Protein backbone atom coordinates (compact mmCIF):
# COMPACT_ATOMS: atom_id res chain seq x y z
CA MET A 1 4.04 -10.11 -6.85
CA THR A 2 7.18 -8.01 -7.17
CA GLU A 3 10.17 -8.78 -4.99
CA THR A 4 12.25 -5.71 -4.10
CA VAL A 5 15.96 -5.65 -3.35
CA THR A 6 17.72 -3.04 -1.21
CA THR A 7 21.12 -4.63 -0.55
CA GLU A 8 24.45 -3.77 -2.20
CA ALA A 9 25.62 -7.40 -2.02
CA GLN A 10 27.64 -8.41 -5.07
CA LEU A 11 27.79 -11.54 -7.22
CA THR A 12 31.00 -12.73 -8.82
CA LYS A 13 30.91 -13.37 -12.56
CA ALA A 14 31.12 -17.16 -12.03
CA GLN A 15 28.27 -16.99 -9.55
CA PHE A 16 26.17 -14.76 -11.81
CA GLU A 17 26.42 -17.12 -14.79
CA VAL A 18 25.18 -20.13 -12.78
CA VAL A 19 22.47 -18.19 -10.95
CA LYS A 20 21.12 -16.57 -14.11
CA THR A 21 20.92 -19.93 -15.89
CA LEU A 22 18.99 -21.51 -13.02
CA ALA A 23 16.72 -18.48 -12.61
CA ALA A 24 15.96 -18.40 -16.36
CA GLN A 25 14.87 -22.05 -16.15
CA HIS A 26 12.15 -20.83 -13.77
CA TYR A 27 11.34 -17.59 -15.64
CA HIS A 28 12.52 -15.16 -12.97
CA ALA A 29 11.97 -11.67 -14.29
CA TRP A 30 15.57 -10.49 -13.91
CA ALA A 31 17.01 -13.55 -15.63
CA MET A 32 14.83 -13.02 -18.71
CA GLU A 33 16.45 -9.61 -19.27
CA ASP A 34 19.44 -8.90 -21.51
CA ILE A 35 21.79 -8.32 -18.60
CA THR A 36 25.45 -9.31 -18.44
CA CYS A 37 28.00 -9.36 -15.65
CA PRO A 38 31.39 -7.61 -15.96
CA LYS A 39 34.48 -9.54 -14.87
CA GLU A 40 34.61 -7.62 -11.56
CA GLY A 41 31.06 -8.79 -10.68
CA ILE A 42 27.69 -7.10 -10.33
CA SER A 43 25.59 -5.94 -7.38
CA LEU A 44 22.09 -7.14 -6.61
CA GLU A 45 20.98 -3.52 -6.64
CA GLU A 46 22.24 -3.05 -10.20
CA ILE A 47 20.38 -6.20 -11.32
CA ALA A 48 17.20 -4.94 -9.64
CA ARG A 49 17.54 -1.49 -11.24
CA HIS A 50 18.03 -3.05 -14.66
CA THR A 51 14.95 -5.25 -14.21
CA ALA A 52 12.82 -2.38 -12.90
CA ARG A 53 13.40 -0.43 -16.14
CA SER A 54 11.65 -3.13 -18.19
CA GLN A 55 8.06 -4.29 -18.46
CA ARG A 56 9.00 -7.52 -16.67
CA GLY A 57 10.09 -5.50 -13.66
CA LYS A 58 6.45 -5.05 -12.71
CA TRP A 59 6.17 -8.67 -11.61
CA GLY A 60 8.27 -11.58 -10.47
CA VAL A 61 11.72 -11.81 -8.94
CA GLN A 62 13.72 -8.64 -9.60
CA ALA A 63 17.10 -9.97 -8.45
CA PRO A 64 18.65 -12.99 -6.72
CA THR A 65 18.65 -13.34 -2.94
CA MET A 66 22.00 -13.58 -1.18
CA SER A 67 23.09 -14.44 2.37
CA LYS A 68 26.74 -14.32 3.46
CA GLY A 69 27.93 -14.36 -0.12
CA ILE A 70 25.82 -17.37 -1.14
CA VAL A 71 22.91 -16.97 -3.53
CA GLN A 72 19.89 -18.92 -2.29
CA HIS A 73 16.51 -19.61 -3.81
CA THR A 74 13.58 -21.92 -3.12
CA THR A 75 10.69 -22.15 -5.55
CA SER A 76 7.31 -20.97 -4.32
CA ASN A 77 6.04 -24.52 -3.81
CA GLY A 78 9.19 -25.50 -1.92
CA ARG A 79 10.02 -28.39 -4.25
CA LEU A 80 13.28 -27.12 -5.75
CA SER A 81 16.03 -25.06 -4.16
CA TRP A 82 19.58 -24.05 -4.98
CA HIS A 83 22.64 -22.51 -3.37
CA VAL A 84 25.38 -20.96 -5.50
CA TRP A 85 28.80 -20.01 -4.10
CA PRO A 86 31.12 -17.21 -5.32
CA ASP A 87 33.33 -19.66 -7.24
CA GLY A 88 30.32 -20.93 -9.22
CA ALA A 89 29.93 -24.17 -7.28
CA PHE A 90 26.29 -25.02 -6.61
CA GLU A 91 23.90 -27.40 -4.91
CA ILE A 92 20.40 -28.20 -6.17
CA VAL A 93 17.89 -30.03 -3.97
CA VAL A 94 14.56 -31.57 -4.98
CA SER A 95 12.10 -31.89 -2.08
CA ARG A 96 8.54 -33.00 -1.50
CA PRO A 97 5.95 -32.08 1.17
CA LYS A 98 6.16 -34.21 4.35
CA VAL A 99 9.19 -36.14 3.08
CA GLY A 100 11.66 -33.30 2.68
CA GLU A 101 14.73 -33.92 0.51
CA VAL A 102 14.33 -36.51 -2.26
CA ILE A 103 17.33 -35.80 -4.52
CA SER A 104 20.35 -33.54 -4.11
CA TYR A 105 23.21 -32.69 -6.46
CA THR A 106 26.43 -30.82 -5.67
CA SER A 107 28.16 -29.50 -8.78
CA GLY A 108 30.04 -32.44 -10.23
CA LEU A 109 30.90 -33.91 -6.82
CA HIS A 110 27.98 -35.80 -5.29
CA THR A 111 24.48 -36.99 -6.15
CA SER A 112 22.13 -38.30 -3.46
CA VAL A 113 18.94 -40.15 -4.42
CA LEU A 114 16.56 -41.37 -1.71
CA PRO A 115 14.71 -44.68 -2.19
CA HIS A 116 11.33 -43.07 -2.82
CA ALA A 117 12.56 -40.80 -5.65
CA ARG A 118 10.47 -40.97 -8.82
CA VAL A 119 11.38 -40.30 -12.46
CA ARG A 120 9.45 -37.02 -12.43
CA HIS A 121 11.33 -35.88 -9.30
CA ALA A 122 14.59 -36.06 -11.24
CA ALA A 123 13.23 -34.21 -14.28
CA PRO A 124 13.61 -30.60 -13.03
CA LEU A 125 17.14 -31.31 -11.80
CA ILE A 126 18.07 -32.86 -15.14
CA ASP A 127 16.67 -29.78 -16.92
CA CYS A 128 18.83 -27.53 -14.73
CA LEU A 129 21.98 -29.58 -15.37
CA ASN A 130 21.34 -29.61 -19.12
CA ALA A 131 20.94 -25.83 -19.08
CA LEU A 132 24.22 -25.47 -17.15
CA GLY A 133 26.02 -27.84 -19.51
CA PHE A 134 26.79 -30.44 -16.84
CA PRO A 135 26.72 -34.19 -17.58
CA ILE A 136 23.76 -36.05 -16.14
CA PRO A 137 24.80 -38.50 -13.39
CA ALA A 138 23.88 -42.14 -13.89
CA LYS A 139 22.09 -42.06 -10.53
CA LEU A 140 19.50 -39.72 -12.04
CA THR A 141 18.98 -41.55 -15.33
CA SER A 142 18.71 -44.91 -13.56
CA ILE A 143 15.78 -43.86 -11.35
CA ARG A 144 12.75 -46.06 -11.99
CA ASP A 145 9.23 -45.76 -10.64
CA VAL A 146 8.43 -48.72 -8.39
CA GLY A 147 5.47 -49.91 -6.36
CA GLY A 148 4.70 -49.00 -2.79
CA ALA A 149 5.97 -52.28 -1.33
CA GLU A 150 9.36 -51.84 -2.99
CA ILE A 151 9.57 -48.30 -1.63
CA LEU A 152 8.92 -49.71 1.84
CA ARG A 153 11.64 -52.32 1.39
CA ARG A 154 14.14 -49.64 0.41
CA LEU A 155 13.11 -47.28 3.18
CA SER A 156 13.42 -50.06 5.74
CA ARG A 157 17.17 -50.17 5.04
CA LEU A 158 17.70 -46.50 5.88
CA GLU A 159 19.00 -45.50 9.29
CA THR A 160 16.85 -42.36 9.22
CA LEU A 161 13.36 -42.30 7.78
CA PRO A 162 11.48 -39.28 6.43
CA ARG A 163 9.90 -37.36 9.28
CA ASP A 164 6.34 -38.55 9.83
CA LEU A 165 6.62 -41.69 7.71
CA SER A 166 8.55 -43.63 10.36
CA GLN A 167 5.58 -44.31 12.66
CA ALA A 168 3.38 -45.59 9.83
CA LEU A 169 6.19 -47.78 8.55
CA GLU A 170 6.77 -49.23 11.99
CA ASP A 171 3.12 -50.25 12.18
CA VAL A 172 3.22 -52.03 8.83
CA TRP A 173 6.54 -53.69 9.55
CA THR A 174 5.78 -54.80 13.15
CA ASN A 175 2.38 -56.28 12.32
CA HIS A 176 3.65 -58.36 9.40
CA LYS A 177 7.29 -59.14 10.08
CA GLU A 178 7.95 -62.86 10.63
CA GLY A 179 11.73 -62.88 10.85
CA PRO A 180 14.87 -60.72 10.43
CA ASP A 181 15.02 -61.31 6.67
CA TYR A 182 11.29 -61.17 5.99
CA GLN A 183 10.22 -58.98 3.07
CA PRO A 184 6.47 -58.13 2.90
CA ILE A 185 5.06 -59.36 -0.38
CA SER A 186 1.40 -60.04 0.30
CA ALA A 187 -1.33 -58.20 -1.57
CA GLU A 188 -2.44 -56.53 1.65
CA ILE A 189 1.05 -55.18 2.35
CA GLU A 190 1.27 -53.97 -1.24
CA ARG A 191 -2.00 -52.08 -0.87
CA ARG A 192 -1.01 -50.54 2.47
CA ALA A 193 2.41 -49.62 1.13
CA ALA A 194 0.89 -48.00 -1.94
CA ARG A 195 -1.41 -45.90 0.24
CA LEU A 196 1.50 -44.79 2.41
CA ALA A 197 3.69 -44.00 -0.58
CA ALA A 198 0.90 -41.98 -2.17
CA GLU A 199 0.83 -39.68 0.85
CA TYR A 200 4.43 -38.74 0.15
CA ASP A 201 4.14 -38.38 -3.60
CA VAL A 202 3.34 -35.27 -5.66
CA ASP A 203 2.53 -35.15 -9.36
CA THR A 204 3.72 -31.67 -10.31
CA ASP A 205 7.16 -30.10 -10.39
CA THR A 206 6.19 -26.56 -11.33
CA GLU A 207 7.45 -23.31 -9.74
């Protein structure tokens, strides 16, 4: 499906370089073209015209999408999104259905990893950072896959739980909690926790 662009909005050179790198990681049509940005910047319309002249212009994303000077994109499955500002600063967020945000990274400043993040959730973000030439934060490389009961223990320490997981967690916790410091370790809790965790887990990270 071809995405058309009609705006004259303009990217700065710093913004263009980051956006093109991220878009190329996901094979956006415009980013696969031999297009460069002059120091004064480039308009979305010029990018779209350049893409339309090639064979790739018949499919895919013809140019970035911008709102109020910020380039925004979310992959078709909703699992990866980015925002890129005019100075080249960026934020990349990894999400999953039902749970929402799992990992977020703001260019060199902050990395947030929720307790139920898995190794494969970090992989697309690490690929993006490698492509951009940014060091990989220890928070990403230290992620380890754990069992459902451990995920429940970690989630229980959060002030805010993922949207529709809170009610299910409350049921498990209320029915088996024996004291303020109790940690569920029985086989039954492990099985129930694993089933709950599976509902909020996805195997693929593709576009």
